[in-house]
Amino acid sequence: MSIDENVQVVKDFFAAIGSGDKQAMLALVAEDIEWIIPGEDWPLAGAYRGHAGLEEVLEKANQTVEMSYPMPPEFLAQGDRVLAIGIAIGEIKATNKPFKDDWVFDITVREGKLTKIREYIDTQALARASRRA
């Protein structure tokens, strides 16, 4: 696929997440997708694999984080990798503490499917917001 097509697949993935369209989202990811979220001391940190792992992390996010997650404003691509660059603003539900997270998702696209997502996020901001008094 072309670089433009890879970027469009990533945009479609973010749109599917934003609209809550689970079937459209799953159609855009490989069966063996791997999503890696770095950090410690916050609920979403970990590695998630396959469609079940993808559903797990998104369900966990819905349960633990209230977040504004607009379409990333910038995409950079080369070959089969697309970087999505954005900002998330939200609150950890268990603590009611706010956070602002500047992030980059490093996404690999092969044959029209997302195969890997590696987040680069502000883990300290998220850990601080997750910490109980």
Protein backbone atom coordinates (compact mmCIF):
# COMPACT_ATOMS: atom_id res chain seq x y z
CA MET A 1 0.00 0.00 0.00
CA SER A 2 1.05 3.58 -0.51
CA ILE A 3 1.99 5.93 2.29
CA ASP A 4 -1.23 7.91 1.73
CA GLU A 5 -3.29 4.71 1.99
CA ASN A 6 -1.51 3.76 5.23
CA VAL A 7 -2.26 7.19 6.70
CA GLN A 8 -5.92 6.83 5.70
CA VAL A 9 -6.16 3.44 7.43
CA VAL A 10 -4.82 5.04 10.63
CA LYS A 11 -7.26 7.95 10.32
CA ASP A 12 -10.11 5.47 9.81
CA PHE A 13 -8.98 3.58 12.93
CA PHE A 14 -9.06 6.72 15.07
CA ALA A 15 -12.46 7.66 13.61
CA ALA A 16 -13.83 4.19 14.45
CA ILE A 17 -12.58 4.48 18.04
CA GLY A 18 -14.04 7.97 18.33
CA SER A 19 -17.45 6.88 17.08
CA GLY A 20 -17.48 3.67 19.11
CA ASP A 21 -17.81 1.53 15.97
CA LYS A 22 -16.27 -1.69 17.26
CA GLN A 23 -16.79 -3.65 14.03
CA ALA A 24 -15.14 -0.96 11.87
CA MET A 25 -12.25 -0.77 14.32
CA LEU A 26 -11.69 -4.54 14.36
CA ALA A 27 -11.84 -4.64 10.56
CA LEU A 28 -8.86 -2.27 10.45
CA VAL A 29 -6.53 -4.28 12.72
CA ALA A 30 -4.68 -7.54 12.21
CA GLU A 31 -5.76 -10.57 14.24
CA ASP A 32 -2.37 -10.51 16.00
CA ILE A 33 -2.16 -6.76 16.63
CA GLU A 34 0.09 -5.67 19.48
CA TRP A 35 -0.61 -2.44 21.40
CA ILE A 36 2.07 -1.36 23.86
CA ILE A 37 1.31 1.35 26.42
CA PRO A 38 4.35 2.28 28.55
CA GLY A 39 4.46 3.26 32.16
CA GLU A 40 3.76 2.14 35.68
CA ASP A 41 1.26 3.20 38.29
CA TRP A 42 -1.56 3.95 35.92
CA PRO A 43 -4.36 1.65 34.79
CA LEU A 44 -3.71 1.29 31.05
CA ALA A 45 0.03 0.50 31.12
CA GLY A 46 0.86 -2.84 29.57
CA ALA A 47 1.02 -4.85 26.37
CA TYR A 48 -2.21 -5.95 24.70
CA ARG A 49 -2.32 -8.56 21.93
CA GLY A 50 -4.89 -9.65 19.39
CA HIS A 51 -8.48 -8.54 18.99
CA ALA A 52 -9.23 -9.63 22.57
CA GLY A 53 -6.37 -7.48 23.87
CA LEU A 54 -7.55 -4.52 21.83
CA GLU A 55 -11.06 -4.87 23.21
CA GLU A 56 -9.63 -5.25 26.73
CA VAL A 57 -7.59 -2.04 26.60
CA LEU A 58 -10.46 -0.03 25.14
CA GLU A 59 -12.91 -1.36 27.74
CA LYS A 60 -10.39 -0.64 30.49
CA ALA A 61 -10.00 2.89 29.12
CA ASN A 62 -13.77 3.41 29.17
CA GLN A 63 -13.93 2.24 32.79
CA THR A 64 -10.96 4.16 34.15
CA VAL A 65 -10.43 7.33 32.12
CA GLU A 66 -12.67 10.17 31.04
CA MET A 67 -10.90 11.65 28.07
CA SER A 68 -11.21 14.03 25.18
CA TYR A 69 -9.46 12.16 22.38
CA PRO A 70 -9.94 14.12 19.17
CA MET A 71 -8.57 13.07 15.80
CA PRO A 72 -4.79 13.53 15.95
CA PRO A 73 -3.85 16.82 14.32
CA GLU A 74 -0.72 15.51 12.64
CA PHE A 75 0.36 12.38 10.80
CA LEU A 76 3.87 11.60 9.58
CA ALA A 77 4.54 8.50 7.51
CA GLN A 78 7.32 6.57 5.87
CA GLY A 79 6.96 3.10 4.42
CA ASP A 80 4.64 1.01 6.59
CA ARG A 81 4.94 3.26 9.67
CA VAL A 82 2.61 6.11 10.54
CA LEU A 83 3.17 8.46 13.46
CA ALA A 84 -0.02 9.99 14.83
CA ILE A 85 0.69 13.01 17.03
CA GLY A 86 -1.88 14.47 19.38
CA ILE A 87 -3.01 15.58 22.82
CA ALA A 88 -5.40 13.91 25.22
CA ILE A 89 -7.04 15.86 28.02
CA GLY A 90 -8.96 14.02 30.67
CA GLU A 91 -9.42 12.74 34.17
CA ILE A 92 -8.70 9.46 35.93
CA LYS A 93 -12.12 8.36 37.22
CA ALA A 94 -10.88 6.70 40.43
CA THR A 95 -9.08 9.84 41.63
CA ASN A 96 -10.99 12.60 39.81
CA LYS A 97 -7.59 14.09 38.97
CA PRO A 98 -7.08 15.77 35.60
CA PHE A 99 -4.25 15.18 33.17
CA LYS A 100 -2.91 16.53 29.90
CA ASP A 101 -1.03 14.01 27.80
CA ASP A 102 0.99 14.96 24.71
CA TRP A 103 1.46 11.73 22.78
CA VAL A 104 2.78 10.02 19.69
CA PHE A 105 1.49 6.67 18.46
CA ASP A 106 3.96 4.75 16.31
CA ILE A 107 1.71 2.57 14.17
CA THR A 108 2.74 -0.14 11.73
CA VAL A 109 0.35 -0.83 8.84
CA ARG A 110 0.72 -3.91 6.66
CA GLU A 111 -1.64 -4.95 3.87
CA GLY A 112 -4.22 -2.39 5.02
CA LYS A 113 -4.29 -3.49 8.68
CA LEU A 114 -2.74 -2.06 11.83
CA THR A 115 -0.28 -4.64 13.17
CA LYS A 116 1.42 -2.72 15.97
CA ILE A 117 0.79 0.38 18.05
CA ARG A 118 3.49 1.71 20.36
CA GLU A 119 2.50 4.73 22.42
CA TYR A 120 4.93 7.42 23.50
CA ILE A 121 3.06 9.30 26.19
CA ASP A 122 3.54 11.48 29.26
CA THR A 123 3.63 8.59 31.72
CA GLN A 124 4.42 10.88 34.67
CA ALA A 125 1.33 13.02 34.08
CA LEU A 126 -0.83 9.92 33.90
CA ALA A 127 0.79 8.31 36.96
CA ARG A 128 0.36 11.54 38.97
CA ALA A 129 -3.32 11.70 38.03
CA SER A 130 -3.75 8.02 39.00
CA ARG A 131 -2.10 8.39 42.42
CA ARG A 132 -4.43 8.43 45.39
CA ALA A 133 -3.79 10.86 48.22
